[in-house]
C-alpha atoms as a PDB file:
ATOM      1  CA  MET A   1     -16.414 -19.349   1.107  1.00  0.00           C
ATOM      2  CA  SER A   2     -14.059 -17.920  -1.536  1.00  0.00           C
ATOM      3  CA  ARG A   3     -11.294 -20.176  -2.775  1.00  0.00           C
ATOM      4  CA  SER A   4      -7.665 -19.685  -1.829  1.00  0.00           C
ATOM      5  CA  ILE A   5      -5.688 -17.060  -3.770  1.00  0.00           C
ATOM      6  CA  ARG A   6      -2.042 -17.177  -2.712  1.00  0.00           C
ATOM      7  CA  TYR A   7      -0.004 -13.971  -2.725  1.00  0.00           C
ATOM      8  CA  LEU A   8       3.212 -12.233  -1.647  1.00  0.00           C
ATOM      9  CA  LEU A   9       3.121  -8.992   0.372  1.00  0.00           C
ATOM     10  CA  ILE A  10       5.158  -5.794   0.218  1.00  0.00           C
ATOM     11  CA  LEU A  11       4.292  -3.467   3.104  1.00  0.00           C
ATOM     12  CA  ALA A  12       5.632  -0.065   2.048  1.00  0.00           C
ATOM     13  CA  GLY A  13       6.855   1.813   5.122  1.00  0.00           C
ATOM     14  CA  GLY A  14       9.916   3.565   3.762  1.00  0.00           C
ATOM     15  CA  GLY A  15       8.619   7.148   3.734  1.00  0.00           C
ATOM     16  CA  PRO A  16      10.055   9.942   5.909  1.00  0.00           C
ATOM     17  CA  SER A  17       6.684  11.017   7.467  1.00  0.00           C
ATOM     18  CA  GLU A  18       7.491  14.636   6.566  1.00  0.00           C
ATOM     19  CA  ARG A  19       3.856  15.751   6.368  1.00  0.00           C
ATOM     20  CA  PHE A  20       3.075  14.188   9.724  1.00  0.00           C
ATOM     21  CA  GLY A  21       6.064  15.617  11.582  1.00  0.00           C
ATOM     22  CA  ARG A  22       7.158  12.423  13.357  1.00  0.00           C
ATOM     23  CA  ASP A  23       7.423   8.727  12.612  1.00  0.00           C
ATOM     24  CA  LYS A  24       3.732   7.901  12.365  1.00  0.00           C
ATOM     25  CA  LEU A  25       4.212   4.143  11.941  1.00  0.00           C
ATOM     26  CA  TRP A  26       5.159   3.751  15.595  1.00  0.00           C
ATOM     27  CA  ILE A  27       2.345   5.761  17.160  1.00  0.00           C
ATOM     28  CA  ASP A  28       0.545   3.571  19.691  1.00  0.00           C
ATOM     29  CA  ILE A  29      -3.137   2.826  19.087  1.00  0.00           C
ATOM     30  CA  GLN A  30      -4.828   0.457  21.535  1.00  0.00           C
ATOM     31  CA  GLY A  31      -1.558  -0.995  22.711  1.00  0.00           C
ATOM     32  CA  LYS A  32       0.230  -1.566  19.414  1.00  0.00           C
ATOM     33  CA  PRO A  33       1.877   0.631  16.790  1.00  0.00           C
ATOM     34  CA  VAL A  34       0.208   1.721  13.569  1.00  0.00           C
ATOM     35  CA  ILE A  35       2.438  -0.559  11.471  1.00  0.00           C
ATOM     36  CA  LEU A  36       1.215  -3.657  13.322  1.00  0.00           C
ATOM     37  CA  HIS A  37      -2.400  -2.632  12.764  1.00  0.00           C
ATOM     38  CA  SER A  38      -1.558  -2.337   9.044  1.00  0.00           C
ATOM     39  CA  LEU A  39       0.028  -5.793   9.080  1.00  0.00           C
ATOM     40  CA  SER A  40      -2.678  -7.526  11.088  1.00  0.00           C
ATOM     41  CA  VAL A  41      -5.035  -8.273   8.186  1.00  0.00           C
ATOM     42  CA  PHE A  42      -2.227  -9.997   6.318  1.00  0.00           C
ATOM     43  CA  LEU A  43      -0.754 -11.858   9.277  1.00  0.00           C
ATOM     44  CA  ASN A  44      -4.201 -13.308   9.991  1.00  0.00           C
ATOM     45  CA  HIS A  45      -4.923 -14.114   6.337  1.00  0.00           C
ATOM     46  CA  PRO A  46      -4.527 -17.781   5.346  1.00  0.00           C
ATOM     47  CA  ASP A  47      -3.255 -17.122   1.818  1.00  0.00           C
ATOM     48  CA  LEU A  48      -0.179 -15.019   2.620  1.00  0.00           C
ATOM     49  CA  CYS A  49       2.896 -16.908   1.371  1.00  0.00           C
ATOM     50  CA  ALA A  50       5.757 -14.534   2.180  1.00  0.00           C
ATOM     51  CA  GLY A  51       6.461 -10.848   2.398  1.00  0.00           C
ATOM     52  CA  MET A  52       8.717  -7.850   2.836  1.00  0.00           C
ATOM     53  CA  VAL A  53       8.339  -4.825   5.112  1.00  0.00           C
ATOM     54  CA  THR A  54      10.288  -1.715   4.105  1.00  0.00           C
ATOM     55  CA  LEU A  55      11.327   0.721   6.851  1.00  0.00           C
ATOM     56  CA  SER A  56      13.213   4.022   6.708  1.00  0.00           C
ATOM     57  CA  GLY A  57      15.244   6.111   9.115  1.00  0.00           C
ATOM     58  CA  ASN A  58      18.619   6.052  10.824  1.00  0.00           C
ATOM     59  CA  ASP A  59      17.251   3.760  13.542  1.00  0.00           C
ATOM     60  CA  PHE A  60      16.361   0.993  11.080  1.00  0.00           C
ATOM     61  CA  GLU A  61      17.939  -1.773  13.161  1.00  0.00           C
ATOM     62  CA  ALA A  62      16.038  -0.737  16.285  1.00  0.00           C
ATOM     63  CA  LYS A  63      12.720  -0.667  14.405  1.00  0.00           C
ATOM     64  CA  LYS A  64      13.490  -4.007  12.795  1.00  0.00           C
ATOM     65  CA  ALA A  65      14.170  -5.516  16.207  1.00  0.00           C
ATOM     66  CA  LEU A  66      10.799  -4.241  17.476  1.00  0.00           C
ATOM     67  CA  LEU A  67       8.926  -5.664  14.511  1.00  0.00           C
ATOM     68  CA  LYS A  68      10.605  -9.033  13.992  1.00  0.00           C
ATOM     69  CA  PRO A  69       9.026 -10.850  16.985  1.00  0.00           C
ATOM     70  CA  HIS A  70       5.585 -10.230  15.459  1.00  0.00           C
ATOM     71  CA  LEU A  71       6.438 -11.588  11.988  1.00  0.00           C
ATOM     72  CA  PRO A  72       6.440 -15.145  10.669  1.00  0.00           C
ATOM     73  CA  ALA A  73       9.700 -16.592   9.364  1.00  0.00           C
ATOM     74  CA  THR A  74       8.463 -16.031   5.796  1.00  0.00           C
ATOM     75  CA  MET A  75       8.521 -12.239   6.219  1.00  0.00           C
ATOM     76  CA  LYS A  76      11.643 -10.037   6.165  1.00  0.00           C
ATOM     77  CA  VAL A  77      12.288  -6.411   7.115  1.00  0.00           C
ATOM     78  CA  VAL A  78      14.436  -4.430   4.657  1.00  0.00           C
ATOM     79  CA  PRO A  79      15.600  -0.784   4.413  1.00  0.00           C
ATOM     80  CA  GLY A  80      13.518   1.586   2.300  1.00  0.00           C
ATOM     81  CA  GLY A  81      14.947   3.423  -0.688  1.00  0.00           C
ATOM     82  CA  HIS A  82      15.081   7.150  -1.457  1.00  0.00           C
ATOM     83  CA  THR A  83      11.586   7.079  -2.976  1.00  0.00           C
ATOM     84  CA  ARG A  84       8.514   4.900  -2.515  1.00  0.00           C
ATOM     85  CA  SER A  85       9.022   3.341  -5.944  1.00  0.00           C
ATOM     86  CA  LEU A  86      12.623   2.450  -5.172  1.00  0.00           C
ATOM     87  CA  SER A  87      11.589   0.928  -1.831  1.00  0.00           C
ATOM     88  CA  VAL A  88       8.977  -1.287  -3.454  1.00  0.00           C
ATOM     89  CA  HIS A  89      11.366  -2.217  -6.267  1.00  0.00           C
ATOM     90  CA  ASP A  90      14.060  -3.313  -3.813  1.00  0.00           C
ATOM     91  CA  ALA A  91      11.561  -5.371  -1.816  1.00  0.00           C
ATOM     92  CA  PHE A  92      10.183  -6.925  -5.018  1.00  0.00           C
ATOM     93  CA  ARG A  93      13.665  -7.913  -6.131  1.00  0.00           C
ATOM     94  CA  GLU A  94      14.367  -9.428  -2.715  1.00  0.00           C
ATOM     95  CA  LEU A  95      11.176 -11.502  -2.940  1.00  0.00           C
ATOM     96  CA  SER A  96      12.301 -13.067  -6.281  1.00  0.00           C
ATOM     97  CA  PRO A  97       8.726 -13.948  -7.283  1.00  0.00           C
ATOM     98  CA  GLY A  98       7.660 -16.203 -10.119  1.00  0.00           C
ATOM     99  CA  ASP A  99       5.991 -14.501 -13.084  1.00  0.00           C
ATOM    100  CA  SER A 100       2.501 -15.722 -12.157  1.00  0.00           C
ATOM    101  CA  ASP A 101       2.721 -14.730  -8.480  1.00  0.00           C
ATOM    102  CA  LEU A 102       0.357 -12.049  -7.207  1.00  0.00           C
ATOM    103  CA  ILE A 103       2.160  -9.200  -5.440  1.00  0.00           C
ATOM    104  CA  VAL A 104       0.107  -7.233  -2.895  1.00  0.00           C
ATOM    105  CA  ILE A 105       1.478  -3.759  -2.100  1.00  0.00           C
ATOM    106  CA  HIS A 106       0.006  -1.965   0.915  1.00  0.00           C
ATOM    107  CA  ASP A 107       0.805   1.297   2.698  1.00  0.00           C
ATOM    108  CA  ALA A 108       2.251   0.696   6.158  1.00  0.00           C
ATOM    109  CA  ALA A 109       0.431   3.869   7.270  1.00  0.00           C
ATOM    110  CA  ARG A 110      -2.983   2.500   6.245  1.00  0.00           C
ATOM    111  CA  PRO A 111      -4.062   0.561   9.361  1.00  0.00           C
ATOM    112  CA  CYS A 112      -7.814   0.169   8.778  1.00  0.00           C
ATOM    113  CA  LEU A 113      -7.839  -2.358   5.919  1.00  0.00           C
ATOM    114  CA  THR A 114     -10.411  -5.129   6.326  1.00  0.00           C
ATOM    115  CA  PRO A 115     -10.292  -8.762   5.118  1.00  0.00           C
ATOM    116  CA  ASP A 116     -13.250  -8.290   2.780  1.00  0.00           C
ATOM    117  CA  ILE A 117     -11.512  -5.450   0.891  1.00  0.00           C
ATOM    118  CA  LEU A 118      -8.400  -7.601   0.541  1.00  0.00           C
ATOM    119  CA  ASP A 119     -10.352 -10.644  -0.630  1.00  0.00           C
ATOM    120  CA  ARG A 120     -12.307  -8.612  -3.205  1.00  0.00           C
ATOM    121  CA  ALA A 121      -9.101  -7.127  -4.590  1.00  0.00           C
ATOM    122  CA  LEU A 122      -7.396 -10.530  -4.746  1.00  0.00           C
ATOM    123  CA  ALA A 123     -10.305 -12.044  -6.674  1.00  0.00           C
ATOM    124  CA  LEU A 124     -10.290  -9.145  -9.135  1.00  0.00           C
ATOM    125  CA  ALA A 125      -6.518  -9.323  -9.554  1.00  0.00           C
ATOM    126  CA  GLU A 126      -6.635 -13.047 -10.266  1.00  0.00           C
ATOM    127  CA  ARG A 127      -8.825 -12.259 -13.277  1.00  0.00           C
ATOM    128  CA  ASN A 128      -7.384  -8.929 -14.436  1.00  0.00           C
ATOM    129  CA  HIS A 129      -3.743  -9.112 -13.242  1.00  0.00           C
ATOM    130  CA  ALA A 130      -3.361  -5.425 -12.276  1.00  0.00           C
ATOM    131  CA  VAL A 131      -5.697  -3.861  -9.718  1.00  0.00           C
ATOM    132  CA  ILE A 132      -5.902  -0.847  -7.441  1.00  0.00           C
ATOM    133  CA  THR A 133      -8.297  -0.335  -4.561  1.00  0.00           C
ATOM    134  CA  GLY A 134     -10.230   2.935  -4.565  1.00  0.00           C
ATOM    135  CA  ILE A 135     -13.400   4.807  -3.741  1.00  0.00           C
ATOM    136  CA  PRO A 136     -15.454   7.185  -5.911  1.00  0.00           C
ATOM    137  CA  VAL A 137     -14.553  10.843  -5.415  1.00  0.00           C
ATOM    138  CA  ARG A 138     -17.228  12.636  -3.386  1.00  0.00           C
ATOM    139  CA  ASP A 139     -16.113  16.242  -3.683  1.00  0.00           C
ATOM    140  CA  THR A 140     -15.819  18.472  -6.738  1.00  0.00           C
ATOM    141  CA  LEU A 141     -12.228  18.527  -8.012  1.00  0.00           C
ATOM    142  CA  LYS A 142     -10.738  21.771  -9.321  1.00  0.00           C
ATOM    143  CA  ALA A 143      -7.584  22.241 -11.364  1.00  0.00           C
ATOM    144  CA  VAL A 144      -5.627  25.284 -10.190  1.00  0.00           C
ATOM    145  CA  ASP A 145      -2.666  27.420 -11.198  1.00  0.00           C
ATOM    146  CA  GLY A 146      -1.439  29.101  -8.035  1.00  0.00           C
ATOM    147  CA  ASP A 147      -4.513  30.741  -6.527  1.00  0.00           C
ATOM    148  CA  ARG A 148      -6.494  30.687  -9.775  1.00  0.00           C
ATOM    149  CA  VAL A 149      -9.002  27.939 -10.656  1.00  0.00           C
ATOM    150  CA  THR A 150      -8.419  26.732 -14.219  1.00  0.00           C
ATOM    151  CA  GLY A 151     -10.989  23.974 -14.614  1.00  0.00           C
ATOM    152  CA  THR A 152     -13.244  21.317 -13.105  1.00  0.00           C
ATOM    153  CA  ALA A 153     -12.642  17.569 -13.300  1.00  0.00           C
ATOM    154  CA  SER A 154     -15.479  15.109 -13.824  1.00  0.00           C
ATOM    155  CA  ARG A 155     -16.127  13.029 -10.711  1.00  0.00           C
ATOM    156  CA  ALA A 156     -17.741  10.380 -12.913  1.00  0.00           C
ATOM    157  CA  ASP A 157     -14.330   9.511 -14.343  1.00  0.00           C
ATOM    158  CA  THR A 158     -12.296   9.707 -11.115  1.00  0.00           C
ATOM    159  CA  VAL A 159     -11.619   7.480  -8.117  1.00  0.00           C
ATOM    160  CA  GLN A 160      -9.467   8.136  -5.075  1.00  0.00           C
ATOM    161  CA  GLU A 161      -6.798   5.464  -4.906  1.00  0.00           C
ATOM    162  CA  GLN A 162      -6.169   3.471  -1.763  1.00  0.00           C
ATOM    163  CA  THR A 163      -4.164   0.314  -1.189  1.00  0.00           C
ATOM    164  CA  PRO A 164      -3.796  -2.639  -1.523  1.00  0.00           C
ATOM    165  CA  LEU A 165      -2.486  -2.559  -5.071  1.00  0.00           C
ATOM    166  CA  ILE A 166      -2.155  -6.042  -6.594  1.00  0.00           C
ATOM    167  CA  PHE A 167      -0.179  -7.044  -9.699  1.00  0.00           C
ATOM    168  CA  ARG A 168       1.084 -10.142 -11.437  1.00  0.00           C
ATOM    169  CA  ALA A 169       4.832 -10.232 -10.915  1.00  0.00           C
ATOM    170  CA  ALA A 170       5.446 -10.509 -14.666  1.00  0.00           C
ATOM    171  CA  LEU A 171       3.829  -7.089 -15.205  1.00  0.00           C
ATOM    172  CA  LEU A 172       6.008  -5.454 -12.567  1.00  0.00           C
ATOM    173  CA  LYS A 173       9.089  -7.077 -14.096  1.00  0.00           C
ATOM    174  CA  GLN A 174       8.102  -5.648 -17.478  1.00  0.00           C
ATOM    175  CA  ALA A 175       7.768  -2.140 -16.061  1.00  0.00           C
ATOM    176  CA  TYR A 176      10.977  -2.386 -14.015  1.00  0.00           C
ATOM    177  CA  ALA A 177      12.910  -3.418 -17.134  1.00  0.00           C
ATOM    178  CA  ARG A 178      12.974   0.244 -18.189  1.00  0.00           C
ATOM    179  CA  PRO A 179      15.712   2.599 -16.954  1.00  0.00           C
ATOM    180  CA  GLU A 180      15.271   3.477 -13.285  1.00  0.00           C
ATOM    181  CA  ALA A 181      15.070   7.195 -14.042  1.00  0.00           C
ATOM    182  CA  GLU A 182      11.799   6.614 -15.912  1.00  0.00           C
ATOM    183  CA  TRP A 183       9.902   5.219 -12.908  1.00  0.00           C
ATOM    184  CA  LYS A 184      11.716   5.985  -9.643  1.00  0.00           C
ATOM    185  CA  ASP A 185       9.658   9.119  -8.885  1.00  0.00           C
ATOM    186  CA  PHE A 186       6.226   7.632  -9.600  1.00  0.00           C
ATOM    187  CA  THR A 187       3.966   7.777  -6.562  1.00  0.00           C
ATOM    188  CA  ASP A 188       2.504   4.309  -7.073  1.00  0.00           C
ATOM    189  CA  GLU A 189       3.105   1.163  -9.098  1.00  0.00           C
ATOM    190  CA  ALA A 190      -0.145   1.464 -11.047  1.00  0.00           C
ATOM    191  CA  GLN A 191       1.179   4.682 -12.580  1.00  0.00           C
ATOM    192  CA  MET A 192       4.301   2.786 -13.608  1.00  0.00           C
ATOM    193  CA  LEU A 193       2.229   0.145 -15.408  1.00  0.00           C
ATOM    194  CA  GLU A 194      -0.041   2.766 -16.980  1.00  0.00           C
ATOM    195  CA  SER A 195       3.013   4.506 -18.441  1.00  0.00           C
ATOM    196  CA  VAL A 196       3.880   1.425 -20.514  1.00  0.00           C
ATOM    197  CA  GLY A 197       0.316   0.763 -21.638  1.00  0.00           C
ATOM    198  CA  ILE A 198      -0.562  -2.087 -19.255  1.00  0.00           C
ATOM    199  CA  PRO A 199      -4.302  -2.026 -18.379  1.00  0.00           C
ATOM    200  CA  VAL A 200      -5.028  -1.423 -14.688  1.00  0.00           C
ATOM    201  CA  TYR A 201      -8.432  -2.040 -13.095  1.00  0.00           C
ATOM    202  CA  TRP A 202      -9.968  -0.905  -9.826  1.00  0.00           C
ATOM    203  CA  GLY A 203     -12.029  -2.479  -7.084  1.00  0.00           C
ATOM    204  CA  MET A 204     -14.020  -0.907  -4.289  1.00  0.00           C
ATOM    205  CA  GLY A 205     -12.242   0.063  -1.107  1.00  0.00           C
ATOM    206  CA  SER A 206     -13.833   1.872   1.826  1.00  0.00           C
ATOM    207  CA  PRO A 207     -13.957   5.413   3.231  1.00  0.00           C
ATOM    208  CA  GLU A 208     -12.595   3.886   6.450  1.00  0.00           C
ATOM    209  CA  ASN A 209      -9.498   2.535   4.685  1.00  0.00           C
ATOM    210  CA  ILE A 210      -7.709   5.858   5.124  1.00  0.00           C
ATOM    211  CA  LYS A 211      -4.002   6.582   5.253  1.00  0.00           C
ATOM    212  CA  LEU A 212      -2.398   8.290   8.231  1.00  0.00           C
ATOM    213  CA  THR A 213      -0.911  11.329   6.486  1.00  0.00           C
ATOM    214  CA  TYR A 214      -1.623  14.359   8.677  1.00  0.00           C
ATOM    215  CA  PRO A 215      -2.016  14.676  12.486  1.00  0.00           C
ATOM    216  CA  GLU A 216      -5.727  15.361  12.048  1.00  0.00           C
ATOM    217  CA  ASP A 217      -6.151  11.862  10.534  1.00  0.00           C
ATOM    218  CA  LEU A 218      -5.133  10.192  13.798  1.00  0.00           C
ATOM    219  CA  PRO A 219      -8.328  10.725  15.857  1.00  0.00           C
ATOM    220  CA  LEU A 220     -10.461   9.298  13.026  1.00  0.00           C
ATOM    221  CA  ILE A 221      -8.246   6.224  12.665  1.00  0.00           C
ATOM    222  CA  GLU A 222      -8.265   5.732  16.431  1.00  0.00           C
ATOM    223  CA  ALA A 223     -12.067   5.906  16.429  1.00  0.00           C
ATOM    224  CA  ILE A 224     -12.368   3.395  13.556  1.00  0.00           C
ATOM    225  CA  LEU A 225     -10.051   0.882  15.224  1.00  0.00           C
ATOM    226  CA  ARG A 226     -11.638   1.412  18.627  1.00  0.00           C
ATOM    227  CA  GLY A 227     -15.055   0.722  17.102  1.00  0.00           C
ATOM    228  CA  ARG A 228     -13.821  -2.591  15.711  1.00  0.00           C
ATOM    229  CA  HIS A 229     -11.950  -3.640  18.851  1.00  0.00           C
ATOM    230  CA  PRO A 230     -13.628  -1.946  21.831  1.00  0.00           C
END
């Protein structure tokens, strides 16, 4: 059995779901919404210390009221910001972590995370301090300009990022110390650390650990979760 690695959680659910067309976090799968599936690994994990859930939308208070009964007292629900990076920053600030604390950041729309992926990433982050979860790219990647192909990327040097992302709090504080305009539009916190020269490492995720982004993702996620909990 692996030893305990304590951590704080930020569940990032502040996006507008524009590509999906409706609020995907509250779609029912097997009797509970997507966001609760995404939280379940953490709520059942013995090493979770505290956490923040970010939510967006005009009906924030109604969503918060739906979620709160399922959360321990150590977890809070807070409004999301205008961008993902701002949402995570606000939640991080609200957590007030110590420099050595591990901060786990996970997409609220990624409901198929398993405990073994989380435990592997935590162990790697304890050693290396800044970690993403990912899988090797299977398809050939092409650079394009409009409808013209301009080049081919090497799959050997590329992984497809997933979450969780895990960082020592001190590294996030270092990156956030820069002016907000320099990081607020980054699509993930690893990019923010990379931009100031902080080494980031990666650990293996899973093809099943997919994010609900488009409507066509939903049947696959439903099938994965149904296979685990028939």
